[in-house]
């Protein structure tokens, strides 16, 4: 399976996401803030990143922008996670370079579909958006 980095500052959300990913057979890496997540992403080069949008210090959108500007991490798919499920948050997430968007609380079926879709595709092209996932042309 895949190695997935979770960047999440809430311990309960981190525990839930880790449990769901491990149950699906994935290897889990974790970071409690954006700076630690960026460092870990650059050193471990995970297959996918779950990025909380509201992090202390640097937010998840700024961190995603930095990941997508770095040639070493540009191709890693990023799924934005947020407790604020508003249309503008989805748009801002996709504009920052996130490849999918999932509102909290996490629903395991939605999470697994997004992960499986992005991992099967490799790096999706920035074409249209449907159901929170970028679609390839």
Protein backbone atom coordinates (compact mmCIF):
# COMPACT_ATOMS: atom_id res chain seq x y z
CA UNK A 1 0.00 0.00 0.00
CA UNK A 2 1.00 3.66 0.19
CA UNK A 3 2.88 5.85 2.62
CA UNK A 4 0.61 8.71 3.67
CA UNK A 5 1.63 11.79 5.62
CA UNK A 6 -1.02 13.34 7.87
CA UNK A 7 -0.45 16.97 8.83
CA UNK A 8 -2.98 17.64 11.60
CA UNK A 9 -2.76 19.56 14.88
CA UNK A 10 -5.78 18.04 16.62
CA UNK A 11 -4.78 14.82 18.45
CA UNK A 12 -8.25 13.23 18.13
CA UNK A 13 -8.39 13.93 14.38
CA UNK A 14 -4.83 12.62 13.97
CA UNK A 15 -5.72 9.43 15.84
CA UNK A 16 -8.85 8.85 13.73
CA UNK A 17 -7.10 9.50 10.41
CA UNK A 18 -4.16 7.28 11.42
CA UNK A 19 -6.49 4.47 12.44
CA UNK A 20 -8.47 4.67 9.18
CA UNK A 21 -5.30 4.66 7.07
CA UNK A 22 -3.65 1.81 8.96
CA UNK A 23 -6.87 -0.24 8.73
CA UNK A 24 -6.68 0.23 4.95
CA UNK A 25 -3.10 -1.09 4.96
CA UNK A 26 -1.25 2.20 4.52
CA UNK A 27 1.93 3.30 6.30
CA UNK A 28 1.28 6.48 8.26
CA UNK A 29 3.63 9.39 8.91
CA UNK A 30 2.43 12.29 11.03
CA UNK A 31 3.23 15.91 11.79
CA UNK A 32 1.46 18.30 14.14
CA UNK A 33 2.14 21.51 12.24
CA UNK A 34 2.93 22.73 8.74
CA UNK A 35 6.64 23.30 9.27
CA UNK A 36 7.21 19.77 10.59
CA UNK A 37 5.01 18.43 7.80
CA UNK A 38 7.01 20.22 5.11
CA UNK A 39 10.25 18.86 6.52
CA UNK A 40 8.87 15.32 6.69
CA UNK A 41 7.35 15.54 3.20
CA UNK A 42 10.68 16.61 1.73
CA UNK A 43 12.66 13.88 3.50
CA UNK A 44 10.24 10.94 3.29
CA UNK A 45 8.51 11.76 -0.04
CA UNK A 46 5.19 10.09 0.89
CA UNK A 47 2.78 8.86 -1.78
CA UNK A 48 0.03 11.21 -0.55
CA UNK A 49 -0.53 13.94 2.05
CA UNK A 50 -3.62 14.65 4.16
CA UNK A 51 -3.38 18.36 4.99
CA UNK A 52 -5.43 20.07 7.68
CA UNK A 53 -6.21 23.58 6.45
CA UNK A 54 -6.35 25.29 9.84
CA UNK A 55 -2.97 24.71 11.45
CA UNK A 56 -1.15 26.82 14.03
CA UNK A 57 1.47 29.11 12.51
CA UNK A 58 1.56 28.42 8.79
CA UNK A 59 -1.82 27.22 7.54
CA UNK A 60 -2.34 24.18 5.33
CA UNK A 61 -2.96 26.22 2.17
CA UNK A 62 0.37 28.04 2.48
CA UNK A 63 2.10 24.72 3.17
CA UNK A 64 0.45 23.14 0.12
CA UNK A 65 1.54 26.04 -2.06
CA UNK A 66 5.14 25.51 -0.91
CA UNK A 67 4.92 21.75 -1.57
CA UNK A 68 3.59 22.34 -5.09
CA UNK A 69 6.38 24.87 -5.83
CA UNK A 70 9.11 22.43 -4.80
CA UNK A 71 10.20 20.08 -7.63
CA UNK A 72 10.86 17.31 -5.07
CA UNK A 73 7.30 17.35 -3.68
CA UNK A 74 5.25 18.85 -6.52
CA UNK A 75 3.83 15.51 -7.72
CA UNK A 76 2.64 14.34 -4.28
CA UNK A 77 -1.17 14.49 -4.20
CA UNK A 78 -2.58 16.57 -1.33
CA UNK A 79 -6.04 16.12 0.16
CA UNK A 80 -7.24 19.18 2.08
CA UNK A 81 -9.08 18.44 5.34
CA UNK A 82 -11.22 21.09 6.99
CA UNK A 83 -13.93 21.39 9.61
CA UNK A 84 -15.30 24.43 7.77
CA UNK A 85 -17.15 22.93 4.79
CA UNK A 86 -17.78 26.09 2.79
CA UNK A 87 -17.63 26.47 -0.98
CA UNK A 88 -14.94 29.15 -0.81
CA UNK A 89 -12.74 26.84 1.30
CA UNK A 90 -12.99 24.16 -1.40
CA UNK A 91 -12.07 26.70 -4.08
CA UNK A 92 -9.18 28.13 -2.05
CA UNK A 93 -7.88 24.62 -1.37
CA UNK A 94 -7.88 23.70 -5.04
CA UNK A 95 -6.32 27.05 -6.00
CA UNK A 96 -3.50 26.42 -3.50
CA UNK A 97 -2.76 23.13 -5.27
CA UNK A 98 -4.71 20.58 -3.25
CA UNK A 99 -5.86 17.67 -5.38
CA UNK A 100 -8.98 16.89 -3.35
CA UNK A 101 -11.00 18.34 -0.50
CA UNK A 102 -12.73 16.49 2.35
CA UNK A 103 -14.80 18.08 5.12
CA UNK A 104 -14.45 16.83 8.68
CA UNK A 105 -15.58 14.79 10.43
CA UNK A 106 -13.89 12.19 8.27
CA UNK A 107 -16.12 9.62 6.67
CA UNK A 108 -14.04 6.59 5.91
CA UNK A 109 -15.74 5.75 2.59
CA UNK A 110 -15.16 9.26 1.23
CA UNK A 111 -11.56 9.25 2.46
CA UNK A 112 -10.79 5.84 0.93
CA UNK A 113 -12.34 6.78 -2.43
CA UNK A 114 -10.30 10.02 -2.60
CA UNK A 115 -7.07 8.25 -1.66
CA UNK A 116 -7.62 5.34 -4.04
CA UNK A 117 -8.54 7.68 -6.90
CA UNK A 118 -5.50 9.92 -6.44
CA UNK A 119 -3.07 7.05 -5.96
CA UNK A 120 -4.42 5.22 -9.02
CA UNK A 121 -4.08 8.33 -11.14
CA UNK A 122 -0.65 9.40 -10.05
CA UNK A 123 -0.54 13.17 -10.16
CA UNK A 124 -3.81 14.51 -11.54
CA UNK A 125 -3.76 17.41 -13.97
CA UNK A 126 -5.33 20.68 -12.87
CA UNK A 127 -8.37 20.46 -15.11
CA UNK A 128 -11.93 20.45 -13.79
CA UNK A 129 -13.20 19.74 -10.32
CA UNK A 130 -15.96 17.27 -9.55
CA UNK A 131 -16.90 15.93 -6.16
CA UNK A 132 -13.88 17.60 -4.61
CA UNK A 133 -11.39 15.78 -6.83
CA UNK A 134 -9.47 17.32 -9.67
CA UNK A 135 -10.20 15.46 -12.87
CA UNK A 136 -7.67 14.63 -15.52
CA UNK A 137 -8.45 15.73 -19.08
